[in-house]
C-alpha atoms as a PDB file:
ATOM      1  CA  MET A   1      15.756-177.598  61.004  1.00  0.00           C
ATOM      2  CA  GLU A   2      13.095-178.560  58.440  1.00  0.00           C
ATOM      3  CA  LYS A   3      14.046-175.509  56.390  1.00  0.00           C
ATOM      4  CA  ASP A   4      17.691-176.666  56.329  1.00  0.00           C
ATOM      5  CA  VAL A   5      16.709-180.173  55.216  1.00  0.00           C
ATOM      6  CA  THR A   6      14.527-178.800  52.419  1.00  0.00           C
ATOM      7  CA  PHE A   7      17.259-176.391  51.348  1.00  0.00           C
ATOM      8  CA  ILE A   8      19.916-179.130  51.282  1.00  0.00           C
ATOM      9  CA  SER A   9      17.571-181.348  49.295  1.00  0.00           C
ATOM     10  CA  GLN A  10      17.028-178.626  46.706  1.00  0.00           C
ATOM     11  CA  LEU A  11      20.746-177.893  46.514  1.00  0.00           C
ATOM     12  CA  THR A  12      21.532-181.573  46.060  1.00  0.00           C
ATOM     13  CA  LYS A  13      18.967-181.964  43.294  1.00  0.00           C
ATOM     14  CA  ALA A  14      20.380-178.905  41.530  1.00  0.00           C
ATOM     15  CA  GLN A  15      23.974-180.181  41.310  1.00  0.00           C
ATOM     16  CA  PHE A  16      23.815-181.502  37.751  1.00  0.00           C
ATOM     17  CA  GLU A  17      22.096-178.376  36.409  1.00  0.00           C
ATOM     18  CA  LEU A  18      24.525-176.114  38.252  1.00  0.00           C
ATOM     19  CA  LYS A  19      27.512-178.032  36.919  1.00  0.00           C
ATOM     20  CA  VAL A  20      26.247-177.797  33.334  1.00  0.00           C
ATOM     21  CA  TYR A  21      25.526-174.082  33.790  1.00  0.00           C
ATOM     22  CA  ILE A  22      28.966-173.408  35.249  1.00  0.00           C
ATOM     23  CA  ALA A  23      30.641-175.409  32.473  1.00  0.00           C
ATOM     24  CA  ALA A  24      28.843-173.298  29.875  1.00  0.00           C
ATOM     25  CA  LEU A  25      30.094-170.095  31.498  1.00  0.00           C
ATOM     26  CA  ALA A  26      33.580-171.103  32.611  1.00  0.00           C
ATOM     27  CA  CYS A  27      35.044-172.267  29.284  1.00  0.00           C
ATOM     28  CA  ASP A  28      37.702-174.232  31.166  1.00  0.00           C
ATOM     29  CA  LEU A  29      36.315-177.638  32.045  1.00  0.00           C
ATOM     30  CA  GLN A  30      39.209-178.379  34.382  1.00  0.00           C
ATOM     31  CA  ASP A  31      37.963-175.726  36.812  1.00  0.00           C
ATOM     32  CA  VAL A  32      34.248-176.590  36.768  1.00  0.00           C
ATOM     33  CA  ASP A  33      34.354-178.849  39.829  1.00  0.00           C
ATOM     34  CA  ASP A  34      36.258-176.244  41.839  1.00  0.00           C
ATOM     35  CA  ILE A  35      33.832-173.516  40.838  1.00  0.00           C
ATOM     36  CA  LEU A  36      30.885-175.773  41.659  1.00  0.00           C
ATOM     37  CA  GLN A  37      32.327-176.457  45.099  1.00  0.00           C
ATOM     38  CA  GLU A  38      32.830-172.723  45.729  1.00  0.00           C
ATOM     39  CA  THR A  39      29.315-172.106  44.433  1.00  0.00           C
ATOM     40  CA  ASN A  40      27.862-174.644  46.850  1.00  0.00           C
ATOM     41  CA  VAL A  41      29.587-172.957  49.771  1.00  0.00           C
ATOM     42  CA  TYR A  42      28.388-169.548  48.569  1.00  0.00           C
ATOM     43  CA  ILE A  43      24.821-170.803  48.135  1.00  0.00           C
ATOM     44  CA  TRP A  44      24.880-172.265  51.647  1.00  0.00           C
ATOM     45  CA  ARG A  45      26.113-168.949  53.060  1.00  0.00           C
ATOM     46  CA  LYS A  46      23.309-167.137  51.222  1.00  0.00           C
ATOM     47  CA  ALA A  47      20.624-169.653  52.267  1.00  0.00           C
ATOM     48  CA  ASP A  48      18.879-167.150  54.502  1.00  0.00           C
ATOM     49  CA  THR A  49      18.287-164.863  51.499  1.00  0.00           C
ATOM     50  CA  TYR A  50      16.446-167.551  49.539  1.00  0.00           C
ATOM     51  CA  ASP A  51      12.697-166.997  49.198  1.00  0.00           C
ATOM     52  CA  SER A  52      11.173-170.478  49.299  1.00  0.00           C
ATOM     53  CA  ALA A  53       8.092-169.161  47.464  1.00  0.00           C
ATOM     54  CA  ARG A  54      10.269-168.824  44.355  1.00  0.00           C
ATOM     55  CA  PRO A  55      11.961-171.524  42.259  1.00  0.00           C
ATOM     56  CA  PHE A  56      15.295-172.648  43.672  1.00  0.00           C
ATOM     57  CA  LEU A  57      17.275-173.315  40.482  1.00  0.00           C
ATOM     58  CA  PRO A  58      17.128-169.805  38.942  1.00  0.00           C
ATOM     59  CA  TRP A  59      18.227-168.341  42.278  1.00  0.00           C
ATOM     60  CA  ALA A  60      21.083-170.846  42.571  1.00  0.00           C
ATOM     61  CA  LYS A  61      22.172-170.203  38.974  1.00  0.00           C
ATOM     62  CA  ALA A  62      22.311-166.469  39.643  1.00  0.00           C
ATOM     63  CA  LEU A  63      24.682-167.135  42.540  1.00  0.00           C
ATOM     64  CA  ALA A  64      26.688-169.530  40.370  1.00  0.00           C
ATOM     65  CA  LYS A  65      27.087-166.808  37.768  1.00  0.00           C
ATOM     66  CA  TYR A  66      28.653-164.528  40.386  1.00  0.00           C
ATOM     67  CA  GLN A  67      31.058-167.283  41.367  1.00  0.00           C
ATOM     68  CA  VAL A  68      32.118-167.788  37.736  1.00  0.00           C
ATOM     69  CA  LEU A  69      32.660-164.036  37.344  1.00  0.00           C
ATOM     70  CA  ARG A  70      34.730-163.980  40.534  1.00  0.00           C
ATOM     71  CA  TRP A  71      36.726-166.987  39.320  1.00  0.00           C
ATOM     72  CA  ARG A  72      37.446-165.258  36.001  1.00  0.00           C
ATOM     73  CA  LYS A  73      38.513-162.069  37.762  1.00  0.00           C
ATOM     74  CA  ASP A  74      40.820-164.042  40.070  1.00  0.00           C
ATOM     75  CA  LEU A  75      42.265-165.856  37.064  1.00  0.00           C
ATOM     76  CA  GLU A  76      43.044-162.582  35.318  1.00  0.00           C
ATOM     77  CA  ARG A  77      44.586-161.126  38.461  1.00  0.00           C
ATOM     78  CA  ASP A  78      46.767-164.196  38.993  1.00  0.00           C
ATOM     79  CA  LYS A  79      48.194-164.158  35.493  1.00  0.00           C
ATOM     80  CA  LEU A  80      51.855-163.400  35.280  1.00  0.00           C
ATOM     81  CA  VAL A  81      52.273-161.342  32.142  1.00  0.00           C
ATOM     82  CA  LEU A  82      55.740-160.396  30.977  1.00  0.00           C
ATOM     83  CA  ASP A  83      56.491-157.911  28.245  1.00  0.00           C
ATOM     84  CA  GLU A  84      58.926-158.683  25.438  1.00  0.00           C
ATOM     85  CA  ALA A  85      61.829-156.882  27.116  1.00  0.00           C
ATOM     86  CA  ALA A  86      61.435-158.955  30.285  1.00  0.00           C
ATOM     87  CA  ILE A  87      61.275-162.176  28.268  1.00  0.00           C
ATOM     88  CA  GLU A  88      64.401-161.191  26.306  1.00  0.00           C
ATOM     89  CA  LEU A  89      66.238-160.416  29.544  1.00  0.00           C
ATOM     90  CA  LEU A  90      65.233-163.756  31.071  1.00  0.00           C
ATOM     91  CA  ALA A  91      66.216-165.600  27.898  1.00  0.00           C
ATOM     92  CA  ASP A  92      69.630-163.886  27.820  1.00  0.00           C
ATOM     93  CA  GLU A  93      70.196-164.720  31.491  1.00  0.00           C
ATOM     94  CA  ALA A  94      69.214-168.343  30.918  1.00  0.00           C
ATOM     95  CA  LEU A  95      71.585-168.599  27.947  1.00  0.00           C
ATOM     96  CA  SER A  96      74.464-167.042  29.868  1.00  0.00           C
ATOM     97  CA  GLU A  97      73.869-169.504  32.732  1.00  0.00           C
ATOM     98  CA  VAL A  98      73.958-172.386  30.253  1.00  0.00           C
ATOM     99  CA  ASP A  99      77.109-171.001  28.583  1.00  0.00           C
ATOM    100  CA  HIS A 100      78.739-170.524  31.983  1.00  0.00           C
ATOM    101  CA  ASP A 101      77.892-174.090  33.053  1.00  0.00           C
ATOM    102  CA  VAL A 102      79.311-175.519  29.822  1.00  0.00           C
ATOM    103  CA  GLN A 103      82.687-173.783  30.149  1.00  0.00           C
END
């Protein structure tokens, strides 16, 4: 129990530094809070791997870096990218719908 209290205290104290670190890596400030939240959950899940003889913040930042990398990979995977032919086809369809509605 004491270990959990100490760990939570260190995690709480690290929030500002983690947020600044994530913001520097993420490039999209709108997602920083979400990444920080995911990082906190990840850090909590990894708590048993933390060596209390070592500084907490560098360890937490290393885990934050992995969360930012995962976030970037998810962002790339979620992108809907259309080639020019698909865009032309969609544009033609949209115009024909508009023309059909007008007539």
